Amino acid sequence: MTTETNKPKDASPPKYHAYYVVEATRRGQKDRWNRIGVMFAHVDGEGGTLILDSLPINFDGRIVLRAPKGEPETGQ
């Protein structure tokens, strides 16, 4: 499933990208941020719709939402 097929054709770009963060286990390593979906804001400004493309195997229930930084969409 891709987010492209879930959003209306006239919809604005996603308000946030959804990430699952795998915390580094060793000193000197960086946390790994894996994008797993997007959030589209509702027109009335009272929330949004979260669309997840995947969930990690060891999912701990925490999803991080961050505003996009102008990175190119890959369609995945």
PDB file of N, CA and C in Angstrom:
ATOM      1  N   MET A   1       0.856  -1.173   0.000  1.00  0.00           N
ATOM      2  CA  MET A   1       0.000   0.000   0.000  1.00  0.00           C
ATOM      3  C   MET A   1       0.900   1.234   0.000  1.00  0.00           C
ATOM      4  N   THR A   2       0.576   2.192  -0.834  1.00  0.00           N
ATOM      5  CA  THR A   2       1.330   3.437  -0.825  1.00  0.00           C
ATOM      6  C   THR A   2       0.425   4.576  -0.415  1.00  0.00           C
ATOM      7  N   THR A   3       1.017   5.619   0.117  1.00  0.00           N
ATOM      8  CA  THR A   3       0.221   6.771   0.543  1.00  0.00           C
ATOM      9  C   THR A   3      -0.389   7.477  -0.646  1.00  0.00           C
ATOM     10  N   GLU A   4       0.227   7.344  -1.811  1.00  0.00           N
ATOM     11  CA  GLU A   4      -0.274   7.991  -3.012  1.00  0.00           C
ATOM     12  C   GLU A   4      -1.680   7.488  -3.351  1.00  0.00           C
ATOM     13  N   THR A   5      -1.968   6.209  -3.123  1.00  0.00           N
ATOM     14  CA  THR A   5      -3.273   5.664  -3.462  1.00  0.00           C
ATOM     15  C   THR A   5      -4.332   5.987  -2.414  1.00  0.00           C
ATOM     16  N   ASN A   6      -3.910   6.437  -1.236  1.00  0.00           N
ATOM     17  CA  ASN A   6      -4.853   6.694  -0.154  1.00  0.00           C
ATOM     18  C   ASN A   6      -5.327   8.133  -0.058  1.00  0.00           C
ATOM     19  N   LYS A   7      -4.604   9.061  -0.651  1.00  0.00           N
ATOM     20  CA  LYS A   7      -5.001  10.456  -0.506  1.00  0.00           C
ATOM     21  C   LYS A   7      -5.804  10.915  -1.722  1.00  0.00           C
ATOM     22  N   PRO A   8      -6.771  11.808  -1.504  1.00  0.00           N
ATOM     23  CA  PRO A   8      -7.541  12.334  -2.618  1.00  0.00           C
ATOM     24  C   PRO A   8      -6.633  13.097  -3.581  1.00  0.00           C
ATOM     25  N   LYS A   9      -6.995  13.111  -4.869  1.00  0.00           N
ATOM     26  CA  LYS A   9      -6.168  13.761  -5.886  1.00  0.00           C
ATOM     27  C   LYS A   9      -6.006  15.258  -5.635  1.00  0.00           C
ATOM     28  N   ASP A  10      -6.992  15.907  -5.017  1.00  0.00           N
ATOM     29  CA  ASP A  10      -6.915  17.344  -4.785  1.00  0.00           C
ATOM     30  C   ASP A  10      -6.379  17.682  -3.387  1.00  0.00           C
ATOM     31  N   ALA A  11      -5.855  16.681  -2.682  1.00  0.00           N
ATOM     32  CA  ALA A  11      -5.370  16.897  -1.315  1.00  0.00           C
ATOM     33  C   ALA A  11      -4.022  17.621  -1.323  1.00  0.00           C
ATOM     34  N   SER A  12      -3.787  18.342  -0.246  1.00  0.00           N
ATOM     35  CA  SER A  12      -2.499  19.008  -0.079  1.00  0.00           C
ATOM     36  C   SER A  12      -1.458  17.970   0.344  1.00  0.00           C
ATOM     37  N   PRO A  13      -0.183  18.342   0.300  1.00  0.00           N
ATOM     38  CA  PRO A  13       0.854  17.396   0.725  1.00  0.00           C
ATOM     39  C   PRO A  13       0.697  17.040   2.206  1.00  0.00           C
ATOM     40  N   PRO A  14       1.349  15.958   2.640  1.00  0.00           N
ATOM     41  CA  PRO A  14       1.211  15.570   4.043  1.00  0.00           C
ATOM     42  C   PRO A  14       1.725  16.647   4.983  1.00  0.00           C
ATOM     43  N   LYS A  15       1.046  16.799   6.107  1.00  0.00           N
ATOM     44  CA  LYS A  15       1.444  17.757   7.136  1.00  0.00           C
ATOM     45  C   LYS A  15       2.670  17.240   7.892  1.00  0.00           C
ATOM     46  N   TYR A  16       2.676  15.941   8.139  1.00  0.00           N
ATOM     47  CA  TYR A  16       3.774  15.299   8.862  1.00  0.00           C
ATOM     48  C   TYR A  16       4.123  13.966   8.222  1.00  0.00           C
ATOM     49  N   HIS A  17       5.365  13.538   8.422  1.00  0.00           N
ATOM     50  CA  HIS A  17       5.771  12.186   8.093  1.00  0.00           C
ATOM     51  C   HIS A  17       5.828  11.409   9.406  1.00  0.00           C
ATOM     52  N   ALA A  18       5.438  10.146   9.358  1.00  0.00           N
ATOM     53  CA  ALA A  18       5.442   9.297  10.546  1.00  0.00           C
ATOM     54  C   ALA A  18       6.688   8.412  10.519  1.00  0.00           C
ATOM     55  N   TYR A  19       7.389   8.354  11.648  1.00  0.00           N
ATOM     56  CA  TYR A  19       8.620   7.574  11.754  1.00  0.00           C
ATOM     57  C   TYR A  19       8.568   6.632  12.947  1.00  0.00           C
ATOM     58  N   TYR A  20       9.226   5.499  12.789  1.00  0.00           N
ATOM     59  CA  TYR A  20       9.521   4.610  13.898  1.00  0.00           C
ATOM     60  C   TYR A  20      11.014   4.750  14.153  1.00  0.00           C
ATOM     61  N   VAL A  21      11.397   5.092  15.366  1.00  0.00           N
ATOM     62  CA  VAL A  21      12.804   5.348  15.686  1.00  0.00           C
ATOM     63  C   VAL A  21      13.381   4.153  16.433  1.00  0.00           C
ATOM     64  N   VAL A  22      14.441   3.585  15.863  1.00  0.00           N
ATOM     65  CA  VAL A  22      15.175   2.507  16.515  1.00  0.00           C
ATOM     66  C   VAL A  22      16.362   3.156  17.218  1.00  0.00           C
ATOM     67  N   GLU A  23      16.344   3.115  18.544  1.00  0.00           N
ATOM     68  CA  GLU A  23      17.400   3.764  19.317  1.00  0.00           C
ATOM     69  C   GLU A  23      18.696   2.987  19.215  1.00  0.00           C
ATOM     70  N   ALA A  24      19.786   3.722  19.112  1.00  0.00           N
ATOM     71  CA  ALA A  24      21.112   3.106  19.016  1.00  0.00           C
ATOM     72  C   ALA A  24      21.403   2.299  20.278  1.00  0.00           C
ATOM     73  N   THR A  25      22.040   1.161  20.084  1.00  0.00           N
ATOM     74  CA  THR A  25      22.357   0.304  21.228  1.00  0.00           C
ATOM     75  C   THR A  25      23.819   0.407  21.630  1.00  0.00           C
ATOM     76  N   ARG A  26      24.644   0.976  20.749  1.00  0.00           N
ATOM     77  CA  ARG A  26      26.065   1.095  21.047  1.00  0.00           C
ATOM     78  C   ARG A  26      26.493   2.550  21.046  1.00  0.00           C
ATOM     79  N   ARG A  27      27.485   2.847  21.824  1.00  0.00           N
ATOM     80  CA  ARG A  27      28.045   4.202  21.874  1.00  0.00           C
ATOM     81  C   ARG A  27      28.610   4.558  20.490  1.00  0.00           C
ATOM     82  N   GLY A  28      28.327   5.763  20.044  1.00  0.00           N
ATOM     83  CA  GLY A  28      28.826   6.221  18.757  1.00  0.00           C
ATOM     84  C   GLY A  28      27.875   5.970  17.596  1.00  0.00           C
ATOM     85  N   GLN A  29      26.886   5.102  17.798  1.00  0.00           N
ATOM     86  CA  GLN A  29      25.899   4.863  16.747  1.00  0.00           C
ATOM     87  C   GLN A  29      24.812   5.917  16.823  1.00  0.00           C
ATOM     88  N   LYS A  30      24.141   6.137  15.701  1.00  0.00           N
ATOM     89  CA  LYS A  30      23.013   7.064  15.671  1.00  0.00           C
ATOM     90  C   LYS A  30      21.715   6.277  15.666  1.00  0.00           C
ATOM     91  N   ASP A  31      20.661   6.913  16.198  1.00  0.00           N
ATOM     92  CA  ASP A  31      19.333   6.311  16.113  1.00  0.00           C
ATOM     93  C   ASP A  31      18.945   6.191  14.643  1.00  0.00           C
ATOM     94  N   ARG A  32      18.186   5.156  14.299  1.00  0.00           N
ATOM     95  CA  ARG A  32      17.700   4.976  12.925  1.00  0.00           C
ATOM     96  C   ARG A  32      16.250   5.419  12.847  1.00  0.00           C
ATOM     97  N   TRP A  33      15.968   6.357  11.939  1.00  0.00           N
ATOM     98  CA  TRP A  33      14.624   6.865  11.728  1.00  0.00           C
ATOM     99  C   TRP A  33      14.061   6.222  10.460  1.00  0.00           C
ATOM    100  N   ASN A  34      13.013   5.412  10.620  1.00  0.00           N
ATOM    101  CA  ASN A  34      12.398   4.705   9.506  1.00  0.00           C
ATOM    102  C   ASN A  34      11.026   5.302   9.224  1.00  0.00           C
ATOM    103  N   ARG A  35      10.849   5.883   8.029  1.00  0.00           N
ATOM    104  CA  ARG A  35       9.549   6.482   7.699  1.00  0.00           C
ATOM    105  C   ARG A  35       8.548   5.378   7.410  1.00  0.00           C
ATOM    106  N   ILE A  36       7.426   5.422   8.114  1.00  0.00           N
ATOM    107  CA  ILE A  36       6.426   4.363   7.986  1.00  0.00           C
ATOM    108  C   ILE A  36       5.062   4.882   7.534  1.00  0.00           C
ATOM    109  N   GLY A  37       4.920   6.189   7.303  1.00  0.00           N
ATOM    110  CA  GLY A  37       3.635   6.714   6.860  1.00  0.00           C
ATOM    111  C   GLY A  37       3.608   8.227   6.844  1.00  0.00           C
ATOM    112  N   VAL A  38       2.401   8.763   6.722  1.00  0.00           N
ATOM    113  CA  VAL A  38       2.199  10.210   6.653  1.00  0.00           C
ATOM    114  C   VAL A  38       0.939  10.597   7.413  1.00  0.00           C
ATOM    115  N   MET A  39       0.825  11.892   7.743  1.00  0.00           N
ATOM    116  CA  MET A  39      -0.376  12.425   8.376  1.00  0.00           C
ATOM    117  C   MET A  39      -0.852  13.616   7.560  1.00  0.00           C
ATOM    118  N   PHE A  40      -2.115  13.566   7.137  1.00  0.00           N
ATOM    119  CA  PHE A  40      -2.747  14.656   6.405  1.00  0.00           C
ATOM    120  C   PHE A  40      -3.647  15.425   7.364  1.00  0.00           C
ATOM    121  N   ALA A  41      -3.506  16.744   7.384  1.00  0.00           N
ATOM    122  CA  ALA A  41      -4.318  17.585   8.268  1.00  0.00           C
ATOM    123  C   ALA A  41      -5.749  17.669   7.751  1.00  0.00           C
ATOM    124  N   HIS A  42      -6.700  17.716   8.675  1.00  0.00           N
ATOM    125  CA  HIS A  42      -8.094  17.929   8.313  1.00  0.00           C
ATOM    126  C   HIS A  42      -8.301  19.388   7.916  1.00  0.00           C
ATOM    127  N   VAL A  43      -9.244  19.619   7.043  1.00  0.00           N
ATOM    128  CA  VAL A  43      -9.507  20.970   6.532  1.00  0.00           C
ATOM    129  C   VAL A  43      -9.887  21.925   7.661  1.00  0.00           C
ATOM    130  N   ASP A  44     -10.606  21.427   8.669  1.00  0.00           N
ATOM    131  CA  ASP A  44     -11.056  22.303   9.756  1.00  0.00           C
ATOM    132  C   ASP A  44      -9.950  22.605  10.771  1.00  0.00           C
ATOM    133  N   GLY A  45      -8.758  22.019  10.590  1.00  0.00           N
ATOM    134  CA  GLY A  45      -7.641  22.283  11.485  1.00  0.00           C
ATOM    135  C   GLY A  45      -7.746  21.589  12.831  1.00  0.00           C
ATOM    136  N   GLU A  46      -8.703  20.686  12.990  1.00  0.00           N
ATOM    137  CA  GLU A  46      -8.948  20.014  14.274  1.00  0.00           C
ATOM    138  C   GLU A  46      -8.383  18.596  14.326  1.00  0.00           C
ATOM    139  N   GLY A  47      -7.249  18.377  13.698  1.00  0.00           N
ATOM    140  CA  GLY A  47      -6.651  17.047  13.738  1.00  0.00           C
ATOM    141  C   GLY A  47      -6.207  16.624  12.359  1.00  0.00           C
ATOM    142  N   GLY A  48      -6.102  15.317  12.158  1.00  0.00           N
ATOM    143  CA  GLY A  48      -5.648  14.814  10.875  1.00  0.00           C
ATOM    144  C   GLY A  48      -5.856  13.322  10.767  1.00  0.00           C
ATOM    145  N   THR A  49      -5.479  12.788   9.623  1.00  0.00           N
ATOM    146  CA  THR A  49      -5.586  11.359   9.357  1.00  0.00           C
ATOM    147  C   THR A  49      -4.187  10.787   9.223  1.00  0.00           C
ATOM    148  N   LEU A  50      -3.876   9.780  10.023  1.00  0.00           N
ATOM    149  CA  LEU A  50      -2.586   9.112  10.000  1.00  0.00           C
ATOM    150  C   LEU A  50      -2.718   7.869   9.128  1.00  0.00           C
ATOM    151  N   ILE A  51      -1.884   7.773   8.096  1.00  0.00           N
ATOM    152  CA  ILE A  51      -1.889   6.621   7.197  1.00  0.00           C
ATOM    153  C   ILE A  51      -0.550   5.922   7.359  1.00  0.00           C
ATOM    154  N   LEU A  52      -0.597   4.676   7.842  1.00  0.00           N
ATOM    155  CA  LEU A  52       0.626   3.914   8.058  1.00  0.00           C
ATOM    156  C   LEU A  52       0.793   2.892   6.947  1.00  0.00           C
ATOM    157  N   ASP A  53       1.992   2.847   6.364  1.00  0.00           N
ATOM    158  CA  ASP A  53       2.312   1.881   5.325  1.00  0.00           C
ATOM    159  C   ASP A  53       2.853   0.590   5.925  1.00  0.00           C
ATOM    160  N   SER A  54       3.420   0.687   7.123  1.00  0.00           N
ATOM    161  CA  SER A  54       3.982  -0.502   7.764  1.00  0.00           C
ATOM    162  C   SER A  54       4.113  -0.266   9.260  1.00  0.00           C
ATOM    163  N   LEU A  55       4.283  -1.361   9.990  1.00  0.00           N
ATOM    164  CA  LEU A  55       4.590  -1.315  11.420  1.00  0.00           C
ATOM    165  C   LEU A  55       5.809  -2.206  11.651  1.00  0.00           C
ATOM    166  N   PRO A  56       6.736  -1.765  12.475  1.00  0.00           N
ATOM    167  CA  PRO A  56       7.928  -2.575  12.744  1.00  0.00           C
ATOM    168  C   PRO A  56       7.578  -3.853  13.510  1.00  0.00           C
ATOM    169  N   ILE A  57       8.452  -4.835  13.409  1.00  0.00           N
ATOM    170  CA  ILE A  57       8.244  -6.110  14.109  1.00  0.00           C
ATOM    171  C   ILE A  57       8.267  -5.908  15.618  1.00  0.00           C
ATOM    172  N   ASN A  58       9.229  -5.166  16.119  1.00  0.00           N
ATOM    173  CA  ASN A  58       9.371  -4.933  17.561  1.00  0.00           C
ATOM    174  C   ASN A  58       8.726  -3.614  17.969  1.00  0.00           C
ATOM    175  N   PHE A  59       7.555  -3.341  17.467  1.00  0.00           N
ATOM    176  CA  PHE A  59       6.878  -2.063  17.676  1.00  0.00           C
ATOM    177  C   PHE A  59       6.569  -1.848  19.144  1.00  0.00           C
ATOM    178  N   ASP A  60       7.020  -0.700  19.680  1.00  0.00           N
ATOM    179  CA  ASP A  60       6.804  -0.394  21.093  1.00  0.00           C
ATOM    180  C   ASP A  60       5.627   0.556  21.313  1.00  0.00           C
ATOM    181  N   GLY A  61       4.900   0.885  20.237  1.00  0.00           N
ATOM    182  CA  GLY A  61       3.728   1.751  20.374  1.00  0.00           C
ATOM    183  C   GLY A  61       4.016   3.225  20.176  1.00  0.00           C
ATOM    184  N   ARG A  62       5.267   3.591  19.924  1.00  0.00           N
ATOM    185  CA  ARG A  62       5.617   5.001  19.774  1.00  0.00           C
ATOM    186  C   ARG A  62       5.864   5.332  18.307  1.00  0.00           C
ATOM    187  N   ILE A  63       5.150   6.340  17.815  1.00  0.00           N
ATOM    188  CA  ILE A  63       5.332   6.857  16.463  1.00  0.00           C
ATOM    189  C   ILE A  63       5.672   8.331  16.592  1.00  0.00           C
ATOM    190  N   VAL A  64       6.685   8.785  15.859  1.00  0.00           N
ATOM    191  CA  VAL A  64       7.118  10.177  15.893  1.00  0.00           C
ATOM    192  C   VAL A  64       6.619  10.864  14.631  1.00  0.00           C
ATOM    193  N   LEU A  65       5.941  12.011  14.783  1.00  0.00           N
ATOM    194  CA  LEU A  65       5.487  12.798  13.642  1.00  0.00           C
ATOM    195  C   LEU A  65       6.389  14.015  13.503  1.00  0.00           C
ATOM    196  N   ARG A  66       6.901  14.237  12.289  1.00  0.00           N
ATOM    197  CA  ARG A  66       7.784  15.370  12.009  1.00  0.00           C
ATOM    198  C   ARG A  66       7.339  16.031  10.712  1.00  0.00           C
ATOM    199  N   ALA A  67       7.449  17.349  10.667  1.00  0.00           N
ATOM    200  CA  ALA A  67       7.119  18.084   9.451  1.00  0.00           C
ATOM    201  C   ALA A  67       8.121  17.716   8.358  1.00  0.00           C
ATOM    202  N   PRO A  68       7.653  17.547   7.106  1.00  0.00           N
ATOM    203  CA  PRO A  68       8.564  17.251   6.002  1.00  0.00           C
ATOM    204  C   PRO A  68       9.574  18.374   5.815  1.00  0.00           C
ATOM    205  N   LYS A  69      10.764  18.027   5.352  1.00  0.00           N
ATOM    206  CA  LYS A  69      11.820  19.018   5.136  1.00  0.00           C
ATOM    207  C   LYS A  69      12.125  19.204   3.657  1.00  0.00           C
ATOM    208  N   GLY A  70      11.139  19.063   2.792  1.00  0.00           N
ATOM    209  CA  GLY A  70      11.337  19.293   1.378  1.00  0.00           C
ATOM    210  C   GLY A  70      12.083  18.186   0.668  1.00  0.00           C
ATOM    211  N   GLU A  71      12.159  17.002   1.279  1.00  0.00           N
ATOM    212  CA  GLU A  71      12.832  15.890   0.633  1.00  0.00           C
ATOM    213  C   GLU A  71      11.960  15.341  -0.486  1.00  0.00           C
ATOM    214  N   PRO A  72      12.520  14.841  -1.557  1.00  0.00           N
ATOM    215  CA  PRO A  72      11.730  14.331  -2.671  1.00  0.00           C
ATOM    216  C   PRO A  72      10.975  13.074  -2.281  1.00  0.00           C
ATOM    217  N   GLU A  73       9.735  12.977  -2.731  1.00  0.00           N
ATOM    218  CA  GLU A  73       8.908  11.805  -2.473  1.00  0.00           C
ATOM    219  C   GLU A  73       9.337  10.686  -3.401  1.00  0.00           C
ATOM    220  N   THR A  74       9.438   9.465  -2.876  1.00  0.00           N
ATOM    221  CA  THR A  74       9.834   8.331  -3.694  1.00  0.00           C
ATOM    222  C   THR A  74       8.630   7.516  -4.147  1.00  0.00           C
ATOM    223  N   GLY A  75       7.472   7.763  -3.564  1.00  0.00           N
ATOM    224  CA  GLY A  75       6.279   7.001  -3.917  1.00  0.00           C
ATOM    225  C   GLY A  75       6.216   5.654  -3.241  1.00  0.00           C
ATOM    226  N   GLN A  76       7.053   5.433  -2.238  1.00  0.00           N
ATOM    227  CA  GLN A  76       7.055   4.154  -1.530  1.00  0.00           C
ATOM    228  C   GLN A  76       6.375   4.272  -0.207  1.00  0.00           C
TER     229      GLN A  76
END
